[in-house]
Amino acid sequence: MILGILEKVSDRLQAGSYPDFGDIDKILEFLRAFVDTCHHGKEEDFLFPALWKSGIWKERGRIEDLLADHGKGREFIRKMAEAVPGMEKDTRSRPVTRNPMPINR
């Protein structure tokens, strides 16, 4: 669901609409708190070591690939968070030709 909302945000930004930056902050907080800390954290702290120890995944590369994917996700979240202040500044410095878009809930 969050990825679908982010896709809509991206589409509308490309079309010239501006998002509600409060909603963007909430999305980023969800991605940081739930996806990264809870979901990825549990995998990294409990699941991956258990899989390695049990021998289910004898090839260390599989776990390393998943850890690399987690790192990419963290990098995407970081880049999105860094982009928001510039986008907010841009919306204040030039007139908006369309209404700010609501995110459907």
Foldseek 3Di string as FASTA:
>chain_A
DLVVLVVVQVVVVVVQAAADVVVVVVSLCCCVPPVQCPVVVCCVPPVVVVCCVVCVPVDVVVVVVVVVVSVVSVVVSVVSVVCSVVSVVVPVVDPRPDYHDYRDD
